[in-house]
Amino acid sequence: MQKEGIKHRNNQEFEEIKITIDKYEDIFSDFDPRPLSERGLASDFFFESERAVMAKTTDKIDFIMTIPEKNRDLKKEKVIIDRLNDYFKRHYEIIKKEKKKIVKKGTIFTVSGIIIMLIATVLLFKFKQEDFLTSFLLILLEPGGWFLFWEGLDLIIFGSKEKSPNLKFYKRMSVANIKFVSS
């Protein structure tokens, strides 16, 4: 793989990533017997692609696979490009939904924690721990409220952040210009 500098097209910056393959099967898993339009990606292809894409500074990428002229088949290339585009777009949407779901869950936890703490505060000021039930509810509600509040913030801040690198990779690849050239 070789690194290329930032280029310009239509007044937009984009970067090239070049990967050399010997044959189209290098892109796909050896263990997957399905046709090219359905096959899973090879782990080494995926790893190298991710490493190269994440090293770039822009979201606009030309993802170029060089292959020996004698091994080229334009029909296969069309199927592979469609397969890769579909794969990366689908996974981008999946991870985007997962991140949104984590943030939503964190927000619900945080708001629930605040509501529980408000209930505990109202109980404290209204009943001033005069009876056993009020004392018990305060002992139960306060740590529960704090737990939900902090767990919710943890999900919003750190849980969603764990999805960010994958989201960034799939976002870049979902809009990448994928093409083949002869080596």
Foldseek 3Di string as FASTA:
>chain_A
DDWDDWDDDPNDTETEDEAEDAAPCQQFDPPFPDDLLDTHGDPVNVVVLLVVCVVDDDLEYAYEYAYAPVRDDVVSQVSNVVSQLVVLVVVLVVLVVVLVVLLVQLVVLQVVLVVLVVVLVCLCVVVVCPDDVNVVSNVVSNVSSVVSNVVSVCSNPPVSVVSVSVNSSSSSSNNYNYDYDYD
